[in-house]
Structures are given as structure tokens and as C-alpha cells.
N, C-alpha and C. Protein backbone atom coordinates (compact mmCIF):
# COMPACT_ATOMS: atom_id res chain seq x y z
N MET A 1 -22.43 -83.14 38.49
CA MET A 1 -23.83 -82.90 38.82
C MET A 1 -24.58 -84.22 38.73
N ASN A 2 -25.35 -84.50 39.74
CA ASN A 2 -26.11 -85.74 39.81
C ASN A 2 -27.47 -85.52 39.18
N THR A 3 -27.77 -86.24 38.10
CA THR A 3 -29.06 -86.09 37.42
C THR A 3 -30.00 -87.23 37.76
N ALA A 4 -29.57 -88.11 38.66
CA ALA A 4 -30.44 -89.22 39.05
C ALA A 4 -31.64 -88.67 39.80
N GLY A 5 -32.79 -89.15 39.48
CA GLY A 5 -34.01 -88.71 40.15
C GLY A 5 -34.68 -87.53 39.47
N MET A 6 -34.00 -86.88 38.55
CA MET A 6 -34.61 -85.76 37.83
C MET A 6 -35.36 -86.30 36.62
N ALA A 7 -36.54 -85.78 36.40
CA ALA A 7 -37.33 -86.21 35.25
C ALA A 7 -36.70 -85.66 33.98
N PRO A 8 -36.62 -86.47 32.93
CA PRO A 8 -36.06 -85.96 31.68
C PRO A 8 -37.00 -84.91 31.07
N VAL A 9 -36.39 -83.90 30.49
CA VAL A 9 -37.16 -82.85 29.83
C VAL A 9 -37.61 -83.38 28.47
N GLN A 10 -38.90 -83.33 28.25
CA GLN A 10 -39.44 -83.85 26.99
C GLN A 10 -39.31 -82.76 25.92
N ALA A 11 -38.76 -83.13 24.79
CA ALA A 11 -38.58 -82.17 23.70
C ALA A 11 -39.90 -81.98 22.96
N ARG A 12 -40.14 -80.74 22.55
CA ARG A 12 -41.33 -80.43 21.77
C ARG A 12 -41.06 -80.84 20.32
N PRO A 13 -41.98 -81.60 19.72
CA PRO A 13 -41.79 -82.00 18.32
C PRO A 13 -41.76 -80.78 17.39
N THR A 14 -41.03 -80.91 16.31
CA THR A 14 -40.88 -79.81 15.36
C THR A 14 -42.22 -79.36 14.79
N LEU A 15 -43.09 -80.31 14.43
CA LEU A 15 -44.40 -79.95 13.89
C LEU A 15 -45.18 -79.11 14.89
N LEU A 16 -45.17 -79.51 16.15
CA LEU A 16 -45.88 -78.76 17.18
C LEU A 16 -45.30 -77.36 17.32
N THR A 17 -43.98 -77.25 17.26
CA THR A 17 -43.33 -75.94 17.34
C THR A 17 -43.78 -75.04 16.20
N VAL A 18 -43.80 -75.57 15.00
CA VAL A 18 -44.16 -74.78 13.81
C VAL A 18 -45.62 -74.33 13.88
N ILE A 19 -46.54 -75.24 14.20
CA ILE A 19 -47.95 -74.84 14.21
C ILE A 19 -48.25 -73.91 15.38
N CYS A 20 -47.51 -74.04 16.48
CA CYS A 20 -47.68 -73.10 17.60
C CYS A 20 -47.24 -71.70 17.19
N ILE A 21 -46.10 -71.60 16.51
CA ILE A 21 -45.61 -70.28 16.07
C ILE A 21 -46.61 -69.64 15.10
N ILE A 22 -47.11 -70.41 14.16
CA ILE A 22 -48.11 -69.89 13.22
C ILE A 22 -49.36 -69.45 13.99
N SER A 23 -49.77 -70.24 14.97
CA SER A 23 -50.96 -69.90 15.76
C SER A 23 -50.74 -68.66 16.61
N PHE A 24 -49.53 -68.49 17.16
CA PHE A 24 -49.23 -67.27 17.91
C PHE A 24 -49.37 -66.04 17.01
N ILE A 25 -48.85 -66.15 15.80
CA ILE A 25 -48.94 -65.04 14.84
C ILE A 25 -50.41 -64.76 14.50
N MET A 26 -51.18 -65.81 14.22
CA MET A 26 -52.59 -65.62 13.89
C MET A 26 -53.37 -65.05 15.09
N GLY A 27 -53.01 -65.46 16.29
CA GLY A 27 -53.65 -64.90 17.49
C GLY A 27 -53.37 -63.41 17.62
N ALA A 28 -52.13 -63.01 17.34
CA ALA A 28 -51.78 -61.59 17.40
C ALA A 28 -52.57 -60.80 16.34
N ILE A 29 -52.71 -61.38 15.16
CA ILE A 29 -53.50 -60.73 14.11
C ILE A 29 -54.96 -60.62 14.54
N GLY A 30 -55.49 -61.66 15.19
CA GLY A 30 -56.86 -61.63 15.69
C GLY A 30 -57.08 -60.55 16.73
N ILE A 31 -56.12 -60.39 17.63
CA ILE A 31 -56.21 -59.34 18.65
C ILE A 31 -56.17 -57.97 17.99
N TYR A 32 -55.25 -57.78 17.04
CA TYR A 32 -55.15 -56.52 16.32
C TYR A 32 -56.45 -56.22 15.57
N SER A 33 -57.02 -57.23 14.92
CA SER A 33 -58.27 -57.07 14.19
C SER A 33 -59.41 -56.68 15.13
N GLY A 34 -59.46 -57.30 16.30
CA GLY A 34 -60.48 -56.94 17.28
C GLY A 34 -60.36 -55.50 17.74
N ILE A 35 -59.13 -55.07 17.98
CA ILE A 35 -58.90 -53.68 18.39
C ILE A 35 -59.29 -52.73 17.26
N THR A 36 -58.96 -53.10 16.04
CA THR A 36 -59.33 -52.28 14.88
C THR A 36 -60.84 -52.15 14.77
N ASN A 37 -61.57 -53.25 15.00
CA ASN A 37 -63.04 -53.20 14.97
C ASN A 37 -63.57 -52.25 16.03
N LEU A 38 -62.97 -52.27 17.21
CA LEU A 38 -63.45 -51.43 18.30
C LEU A 38 -63.20 -49.95 18.05
N THR A 39 -62.14 -49.64 17.32
CA THR A 39 -61.75 -48.24 17.16
C THR A 39 -62.15 -47.63 15.82
N MET A 40 -62.78 -48.40 14.94
CA MET A 40 -63.14 -47.86 13.62
C MET A 40 -64.27 -46.83 13.73
N ASP A 41 -64.26 -45.90 12.81
CA ASP A 41 -65.32 -44.89 12.72
C ASP A 41 -66.43 -45.47 11.84
N PRO A 42 -67.60 -45.77 12.43
CA PRO A 42 -68.65 -46.43 11.65
C PRO A 42 -69.18 -45.59 10.49
N VAL A 43 -69.23 -44.28 10.67
CA VAL A 43 -69.73 -43.41 9.60
C VAL A 43 -68.77 -43.44 8.41
N ALA A 44 -67.48 -43.31 8.69
CA ALA A 44 -66.48 -43.33 7.61
C ALA A 44 -66.44 -44.70 6.94
N GLU A 45 -66.54 -45.76 7.72
CA GLU A 45 -66.52 -47.11 7.15
C GLU A 45 -67.74 -47.36 6.27
N ARG A 46 -68.90 -46.86 6.70
CA ARG A 46 -70.12 -47.04 5.91
C ARG A 46 -70.01 -46.27 4.59
N ALA A 47 -69.46 -45.05 4.66
CA ALA A 47 -69.28 -44.26 3.44
C ALA A 47 -68.30 -44.96 2.49
N LYS A 48 -67.23 -45.51 3.04
CA LYS A 48 -66.24 -46.23 2.23
C LYS A 48 -66.88 -47.47 1.59
N LEU A 49 -67.72 -48.17 2.35
CA LEU A 49 -68.41 -49.35 1.83
C LEU A 49 -69.32 -48.97 0.67
N GLU A 50 -70.12 -47.92 0.86
CA GLU A 50 -71.06 -47.50 -0.18
C GLU A 50 -70.32 -47.05 -1.44
N THR A 51 -69.22 -46.32 -1.26
CA THR A 51 -68.43 -45.86 -2.40
C THR A 51 -67.84 -47.05 -3.16
N THR A 52 -67.28 -47.98 -2.43
CA THR A 52 -66.69 -49.17 -3.06
C THR A 52 -67.74 -49.98 -3.80
N MET A 53 -68.89 -50.17 -3.17
CA MET A 53 -69.96 -50.94 -3.82
C MET A 53 -70.44 -50.23 -5.08
N SER A 54 -70.60 -48.92 -5.02
CA SER A 54 -71.04 -48.16 -6.20
C SER A 54 -70.04 -48.28 -7.33
N GLU A 55 -68.74 -48.20 -6.98
CA GLU A 55 -67.70 -48.33 -8.00
C GLU A 55 -67.73 -49.71 -8.64
N GLN A 56 -67.92 -50.74 -7.83
CA GLN A 56 -67.96 -52.11 -8.35
C GLN A 56 -69.17 -52.32 -9.27
N VAL A 57 -70.33 -51.81 -8.85
CA VAL A 57 -71.54 -51.93 -9.66
C VAL A 57 -71.35 -51.20 -10.99
N ALA A 58 -70.75 -50.00 -10.95
CA ALA A 58 -70.52 -49.24 -12.18
C ALA A 58 -69.53 -49.96 -13.09
N GLN A 59 -68.52 -50.57 -12.49
CA GLN A 59 -67.52 -51.28 -13.27
C GLN A 59 -68.11 -52.51 -13.96
N ILE A 60 -68.99 -53.21 -13.26
CA ILE A 60 -69.62 -54.40 -13.83
C ILE A 60 -70.64 -54.00 -14.89
N GLY A 61 -71.38 -52.94 -14.59
CA GLY A 61 -72.37 -52.43 -15.53
C GLY A 61 -73.48 -53.41 -15.81
N ASP A 62 -73.87 -53.51 -17.07
CA ASP A 62 -74.96 -54.40 -17.48
C ASP A 62 -74.50 -55.85 -17.66
N ASN A 63 -73.22 -56.10 -17.46
CA ASN A 63 -72.68 -57.45 -17.65
C ASN A 63 -72.97 -58.37 -16.46
N ALA A 64 -73.57 -57.84 -15.43
CA ALA A 64 -73.81 -58.63 -14.21
C ALA A 64 -74.87 -59.69 -14.46
N ASN A 65 -74.57 -60.90 -14.06
CA ASN A 65 -75.57 -61.96 -14.11
C ASN A 65 -76.17 -62.14 -12.72
N ASP A 66 -77.05 -63.10 -12.58
CA ASP A 66 -77.74 -63.29 -11.30
C ASP A 66 -76.77 -63.62 -10.17
N LEU A 67 -75.77 -64.45 -10.46
CA LEU A 67 -74.79 -64.83 -9.44
C LEU A 67 -73.99 -63.61 -8.98
N THR A 68 -73.59 -62.79 -9.93
CA THR A 68 -72.84 -61.58 -9.59
C THR A 68 -73.68 -60.65 -8.73
N ASN A 69 -74.94 -60.47 -9.09
CA ASN A 69 -75.82 -59.61 -8.30
C ASN A 69 -76.00 -60.15 -6.88
N ARG A 70 -76.17 -61.46 -6.75
CA ARG A 70 -76.32 -62.05 -5.40
C ARG A 70 -75.04 -61.89 -4.59
N LEU A 71 -73.90 -62.05 -5.24
CA LEU A 71 -72.62 -61.89 -4.56
C LEU A 71 -72.45 -60.45 -4.08
N MET A 72 -72.80 -59.50 -4.92
CA MET A 72 -72.69 -58.08 -4.54
C MET A 72 -73.63 -57.76 -3.38
N GLU A 73 -74.85 -58.27 -3.44
CA GLU A 73 -75.80 -58.04 -2.35
C GLU A 73 -75.31 -58.66 -1.05
N SER A 74 -74.75 -59.85 -1.15
CA SER A 74 -74.24 -60.53 0.04
C SER A 74 -73.04 -59.78 0.62
N ALA A 75 -72.16 -59.29 -0.24
CA ALA A 75 -71.00 -58.51 0.22
C ALA A 75 -71.46 -57.24 0.92
N HIS A 76 -72.46 -56.59 0.36
CA HIS A 76 -72.99 -55.37 0.97
C HIS A 76 -73.61 -55.68 2.32
N GLU A 77 -74.39 -56.76 2.38
CA GLU A 77 -75.03 -57.16 3.64
C GLU A 77 -74.00 -57.46 4.72
N VAL A 78 -72.96 -58.22 4.36
CA VAL A 78 -71.91 -58.55 5.33
C VAL A 78 -71.18 -57.29 5.77
N GLY A 79 -70.91 -56.39 4.84
CA GLY A 79 -70.25 -55.13 5.19
C GLY A 79 -71.06 -54.29 6.15
N VAL A 80 -72.34 -54.15 5.87
CA VAL A 80 -73.23 -53.35 6.74
C VAL A 80 -73.34 -54.00 8.12
N LEU A 81 -73.56 -55.30 8.16
CA LEU A 81 -73.68 -55.99 9.45
C LEU A 81 -72.37 -55.94 10.23
N GLY A 82 -71.25 -56.02 9.53
CA GLY A 82 -69.95 -55.92 10.19
C GLY A 82 -69.75 -54.57 10.84
N ILE A 83 -70.18 -53.52 10.16
CA ILE A 83 -70.06 -52.17 10.72
C ILE A 83 -71.02 -52.00 11.89
N GLU A 84 -72.26 -52.45 11.73
CA GLU A 84 -73.25 -52.31 12.79
C GLU A 84 -72.87 -53.11 14.04
N ASN A 85 -72.25 -54.25 13.87
CA ASN A 85 -71.91 -55.13 14.99
C ASN A 85 -70.42 -55.09 15.34
N ARG A 86 -69.76 -54.00 14.99
CA ARG A 86 -68.31 -53.92 15.18
C ARG A 86 -67.89 -54.08 16.63
N ILE A 87 -68.67 -53.55 17.58
CA ILE A 87 -68.29 -53.63 19.00
C ILE A 87 -68.34 -55.07 19.50
N PRO A 88 -69.48 -55.78 19.38
CA PRO A 88 -69.47 -57.16 19.87
C PRO A 88 -68.51 -58.07 19.08
N ILE A 89 -68.35 -57.81 17.79
CA ILE A 89 -67.41 -58.61 17.00
C ILE A 89 -65.99 -58.35 17.49
N GLY A 90 -65.66 -57.10 17.74
CA GLY A 90 -64.32 -56.75 18.22
C GLY A 90 -64.02 -57.35 19.58
N ILE A 91 -64.96 -57.20 20.52
CA ILE A 91 -64.75 -57.74 21.87
C ILE A 91 -64.64 -59.26 21.83
N ALA A 92 -65.57 -59.91 21.14
CA ALA A 92 -65.53 -61.37 21.05
C ALA A 92 -64.26 -61.84 20.33
N GLY A 93 -63.86 -61.12 19.31
CA GLY A 93 -62.64 -61.48 18.59
C GLY A 93 -61.41 -61.41 19.47
N ILE A 94 -61.32 -60.37 20.29
CA ILE A 94 -60.19 -60.24 21.21
C ILE A 94 -60.21 -61.36 22.24
N ILE A 95 -61.37 -61.60 22.83
CA ILE A 95 -61.49 -62.65 23.86
C ILE A 95 -61.14 -64.02 23.27
N LEU A 96 -61.71 -64.34 22.11
CA LEU A 96 -61.44 -65.64 21.49
C LEU A 96 -59.97 -65.77 21.09
N SER A 97 -59.37 -64.69 20.62
CA SER A 97 -57.95 -64.73 20.26
C SER A 97 -57.08 -64.94 21.50
N LEU A 98 -57.43 -64.29 22.60
CA LEU A 98 -56.67 -64.47 23.84
C LEU A 98 -56.80 -65.91 24.35
N ILE A 99 -58.01 -66.46 24.29
CA ILE A 99 -58.21 -67.86 24.70
C ILE A 99 -57.38 -68.79 23.81
N SER A 100 -57.41 -68.52 22.52
CA SER A 100 -56.65 -69.33 21.57
C SER A 100 -55.15 -69.25 21.85
N VAL A 101 -54.64 -68.04 22.04
CA VAL A 101 -53.21 -67.86 22.31
C VAL A 101 -52.82 -68.53 23.62
N PHE A 102 -53.67 -68.43 24.63
CA PHE A 102 -53.38 -69.10 25.90
C PHE A 102 -53.35 -70.62 25.70
N GLY A 103 -54.30 -71.14 24.94
CA GLY A 103 -54.31 -72.57 24.64
C GLY A 103 -53.06 -73.00 23.89
N VAL A 104 -52.64 -72.20 22.94
CA VAL A 104 -51.43 -72.51 22.17
C VAL A 104 -50.21 -72.46 23.09
N TRP A 105 -50.18 -71.47 23.98
CA TRP A 105 -49.06 -71.37 24.93
C TRP A 105 -48.99 -72.63 25.80
N LEU A 106 -50.16 -73.12 26.25
CA LEU A 106 -50.17 -74.36 27.04
C LEU A 106 -49.66 -75.53 26.20
N MET A 107 -50.08 -75.61 24.94
CA MET A 107 -49.59 -76.70 24.08
C MET A 107 -48.10 -76.55 23.80
N TRP A 108 -47.63 -75.31 23.67
CA TRP A 108 -46.20 -75.04 23.51
C TRP A 108 -45.43 -75.65 24.69
N ASN A 109 -46.04 -75.58 25.87
CA ASN A 109 -45.45 -76.15 27.08
C ASN A 109 -45.89 -77.60 27.30
N LEU A 110 -46.42 -78.22 26.25
CA LEU A 110 -46.80 -79.64 26.23
C LEU A 110 -47.89 -79.99 27.24
N LYS A 111 -48.85 -79.08 27.40
CA LYS A 111 -49.98 -79.33 28.29
C LYS A 111 -51.23 -79.55 27.45
N LYS A 112 -51.86 -80.70 27.66
CA LYS A 112 -53.03 -81.11 26.87
C LYS A 112 -54.22 -80.17 27.01
N ASN A 113 -54.37 -79.54 28.17
CA ASN A 113 -55.51 -78.64 28.38
C ASN A 113 -55.55 -77.53 27.33
N GLY A 114 -54.40 -77.17 26.80
CA GLY A 114 -54.35 -76.13 25.78
C GLY A 114 -55.11 -76.50 24.53
N PHE A 115 -55.11 -77.77 24.20
CA PHE A 115 -55.83 -78.23 23.01
C PHE A 115 -57.32 -77.91 23.13
N TRP A 116 -57.89 -78.18 24.30
CA TRP A 116 -59.32 -77.97 24.50
C TRP A 116 -59.67 -76.49 24.49
N LEU A 117 -58.79 -75.65 25.05
CA LEU A 117 -59.02 -74.20 24.97
C LEU A 117 -58.94 -73.73 23.52
N TYR A 118 -57.94 -74.22 22.81
CA TYR A 118 -57.78 -73.86 21.40
C TYR A 118 -59.00 -74.29 20.59
N LEU A 119 -59.48 -75.51 20.84
CA LEU A 119 -60.66 -76.02 20.14
C LEU A 119 -61.89 -75.16 20.44
N LEU A 120 -62.06 -74.80 21.70
CA LEU A 120 -63.18 -73.93 22.10
C LEU A 120 -63.12 -72.59 21.38
N ALA A 121 -61.94 -71.97 21.36
CA ALA A 121 -61.77 -70.68 20.69
C ALA A 121 -61.99 -70.81 19.19
N THR A 122 -61.55 -71.91 18.61
CA THR A 122 -61.72 -72.14 17.17
C THR A 122 -63.19 -72.26 16.81
N ILE A 123 -63.93 -73.04 17.59
CA ILE A 123 -65.37 -73.19 17.33
C ILE A 123 -66.07 -71.85 17.51
N GLY A 124 -65.71 -71.12 18.56
CA GLY A 124 -66.28 -69.79 18.77
C GLY A 124 -65.98 -68.85 17.61
N GLY A 125 -64.76 -68.95 17.08
CA GLY A 125 -64.38 -68.11 15.95
C GLY A 125 -65.12 -68.43 14.67
N LEU A 126 -65.66 -69.64 14.58
CA LEU A 126 -66.46 -70.00 13.40
C LEU A 126 -67.93 -69.66 13.59
N VAL A 127 -68.40 -69.69 14.83
CA VAL A 127 -69.81 -69.38 15.12
C VAL A 127 -70.03 -67.87 15.13
N LEU A 128 -69.05 -67.12 15.62
CA LEU A 128 -69.17 -65.66 15.75
C LEU A 128 -69.61 -64.97 14.46
N PRO A 129 -68.98 -65.23 13.31
CA PRO A 129 -69.43 -64.55 12.09
C PRO A 129 -70.88 -64.87 11.71
N LEU A 130 -71.28 -66.10 11.95
CA LEU A 130 -72.66 -66.46 11.62
C LEU A 130 -73.65 -65.74 12.52
N MET A 131 -73.26 -65.51 13.77
CA MET A 131 -74.14 -64.80 14.70
C MET A 131 -74.31 -63.34 14.31
N TYR A 132 -73.22 -62.70 13.94
CA TYR A 132 -73.25 -61.26 13.72
C TYR A 132 -73.31 -60.83 12.26
N LEU A 133 -72.92 -61.70 11.34
CA LEU A 133 -72.90 -61.32 9.93
C LEU A 133 -73.98 -62.00 9.12
N GLY A 134 -74.80 -62.80 9.77
CA GLY A 134 -75.92 -63.44 9.08
C GLY A 134 -75.48 -64.69 8.33
N GLY A 135 -76.43 -65.27 7.64
CA GLY A 135 -76.17 -66.51 6.92
C GLY A 135 -76.09 -66.30 5.43
N GLY A 136 -75.71 -65.11 5.01
CA GLY A 136 -75.60 -64.83 3.58
C GLY A 136 -74.51 -65.66 2.93
N TRP A 137 -74.53 -65.67 1.61
CA TRP A 137 -73.60 -66.47 0.83
C TRP A 137 -72.15 -66.16 1.17
N LEU A 138 -71.80 -64.89 1.24
CA LEU A 138 -70.42 -64.50 1.50
C LEU A 138 -69.99 -64.86 2.92
N ALA A 139 -70.88 -64.68 3.89
CA ALA A 139 -70.56 -65.04 5.27
C ALA A 139 -70.32 -66.54 5.38
N LEU A 140 -71.17 -67.34 4.74
CA LEU A 140 -71.01 -68.79 4.77
C LEU A 140 -69.73 -69.22 4.06
N ALA A 141 -69.41 -68.58 2.95
CA ALA A 141 -68.18 -68.91 2.23
C ALA A 141 -66.95 -68.57 3.08
N SER A 142 -66.99 -67.44 3.77
CA SER A 142 -65.88 -67.05 4.64
C SER A 142 -65.70 -68.04 5.78
N VAL A 143 -66.81 -68.43 6.41
CA VAL A 143 -66.75 -69.40 7.50
C VAL A 143 -66.24 -70.75 6.99
N GLY A 144 -66.67 -71.14 5.80
CA GLY A 144 -66.19 -72.39 5.22
C GLY A 144 -64.70 -72.36 4.95
N PHE A 145 -64.21 -71.25 4.43
CA PHE A 145 -62.78 -71.10 4.15
C PHE A 145 -61.98 -71.13 5.45
N ALA A 146 -62.42 -70.35 6.44
CA ALA A 146 -61.73 -70.33 7.74
C ALA A 146 -61.85 -71.69 8.42
N GLY A 147 -63.00 -72.31 8.29
CA GLY A 147 -63.23 -73.62 8.90
C GLY A 147 -62.30 -74.68 8.34
N PHE A 148 -62.01 -74.62 7.06
CA PHE A 148 -61.11 -75.58 6.43
C PHE A 148 -59.73 -75.51 7.08
N PHE A 149 -59.17 -74.30 7.20
CA PHE A 149 -57.85 -74.16 7.80
C PHE A 149 -57.88 -74.43 9.30
N SER A 150 -58.97 -74.07 9.95
CA SER A 150 -59.11 -74.36 11.38
C SER A 150 -59.10 -75.87 11.61
N LEU A 151 -59.81 -76.59 10.76
CA LEU A 151 -59.86 -78.05 10.89
C LEU A 151 -58.47 -78.67 10.70
N ILE A 152 -57.72 -78.15 9.75
CA ILE A 152 -56.36 -78.65 9.54
C ILE A 152 -55.53 -78.44 10.81
N PHE A 153 -55.61 -77.25 11.40
CA PHE A 153 -54.82 -76.97 12.61
C PHE A 153 -55.29 -77.83 13.78
N VAL A 154 -56.59 -78.00 13.94
CA VAL A 154 -57.10 -78.85 15.02
C VAL A 154 -56.58 -80.28 14.85
N ILE A 155 -56.61 -80.78 13.63
CA ILE A 155 -56.10 -82.13 13.37
C ILE A 155 -54.60 -82.21 13.67
N LEU A 156 -53.84 -81.20 13.23
CA LEU A 156 -52.40 -81.20 13.49
C LEU A 156 -52.11 -81.16 14.99
N TYR A 157 -52.87 -80.35 15.72
CA TYR A 157 -52.68 -80.33 17.18
C TYR A 157 -53.10 -81.67 17.80
N ALA A 158 -54.19 -82.25 17.31
CA ALA A 158 -54.66 -83.53 17.85
C ALA A 158 -53.62 -84.63 17.64
N VAL A 159 -52.95 -84.61 16.50
CA VAL A 159 -51.90 -85.59 16.23
C VAL A 159 -50.76 -85.45 17.25
N ASN A 160 -50.55 -84.25 17.75
CA ASN A 160 -49.48 -84.00 18.71
C ASN A 160 -49.90 -84.18 20.16
N LEU A 161 -51.15 -84.54 20.40
CA LEU A 161 -51.62 -84.74 21.78
C LEU A 161 -50.81 -85.81 22.51
N LYS A 162 -50.30 -86.78 21.78
CA LYS A 162 -49.55 -87.87 22.41
C LYS A 162 -48.25 -87.38 23.06
N TYR A 163 -47.78 -86.19 22.67
CA TYR A 163 -46.56 -85.64 23.26
C TYR A 163 -46.87 -84.75 24.47
N MET A 164 -48.14 -84.49 24.69
CA MET A 164 -48.54 -83.60 25.78
C MET A 164 -48.99 -84.41 26.98
N HIS A 165 -48.94 -83.78 28.13
CA HIS A 165 -49.37 -84.45 29.36
C HIS A 165 -50.44 -83.64 30.06
């Protein structure tokens, strides 16, 4: 077989392979989460939230300090807003997860355009909770936590841009 004139197949680096696989799994979880948001029963979820909050308040009792009270209020606010905004959160979550997975698939195939799609979906995934869950303490802490890991993945993908075309 004559291989002259054929372009050599570029191997995908191991790091890129690993972070793509992790991202595919996270994308699937994001799609599942979006579907779960769309199909949840808001009345049952609200009742479950109120029951859980009541149990937590009873368990803490008079030992609650100001920080604990603010945390409980923030958790309740995020829970209520999450239930009220379940449809737009679910739809946006599915769309952003699909964009992210498509971007990862492009990077899996060593295409640079995938990085920009992934970055767009990542930024959208960090802005979405702030839009629908408010700027409460718990929402900000969640976005900060997710943002930390998102930044790590964006940096890891950016390091691998040199292998993409």
C-alpha cells in the first residue's frame, strides 16, 4: 500500500482524551438534569422543600446563629426559585449541555472550534443560575464552586489547543 501523499493521522493527546471523556459524562448528566427539571411535579417538590426545611430548622433549634439563619434562608430561596423557574432552567440546561457536548466532540476530533463552543456553554452554565436563582449566598457559592472546576477544564482544553486545527 502506498502511503505517499496521505496526511499523517494526528494522535489525540492522553490529557485531551481524559478531559473529553469526563466532559461527555458531565454533559450527559446535564442533559438528564435538564429533563428532570422539565418533568418534576412542582407541587410535590415544593412540599418536599418545605418539609425538609422544617426538619432542618427543628433539628438546629435555638442553636442557630446569624450565619446559619442566613444560610437556611438562602437555601429556601434557591429551592423556591429553582422550582418556580424549573422550565426555563431545564430547557437552558439541556441546550447548554448539548452545545457543550458538541464542542467536546469537536475537540475530541481535534477541531479548535469546539473549544469556543465549550467556552460559550460553560459561561452560559455559570450565568444561568444567577439569572434564575438570584444572587443569594447559596446561589453565589454554587456558581463559585462550579466556576472553579469550569475554569480548570477551560484551562486544560486551552493547553491542548496546540494539538487542534
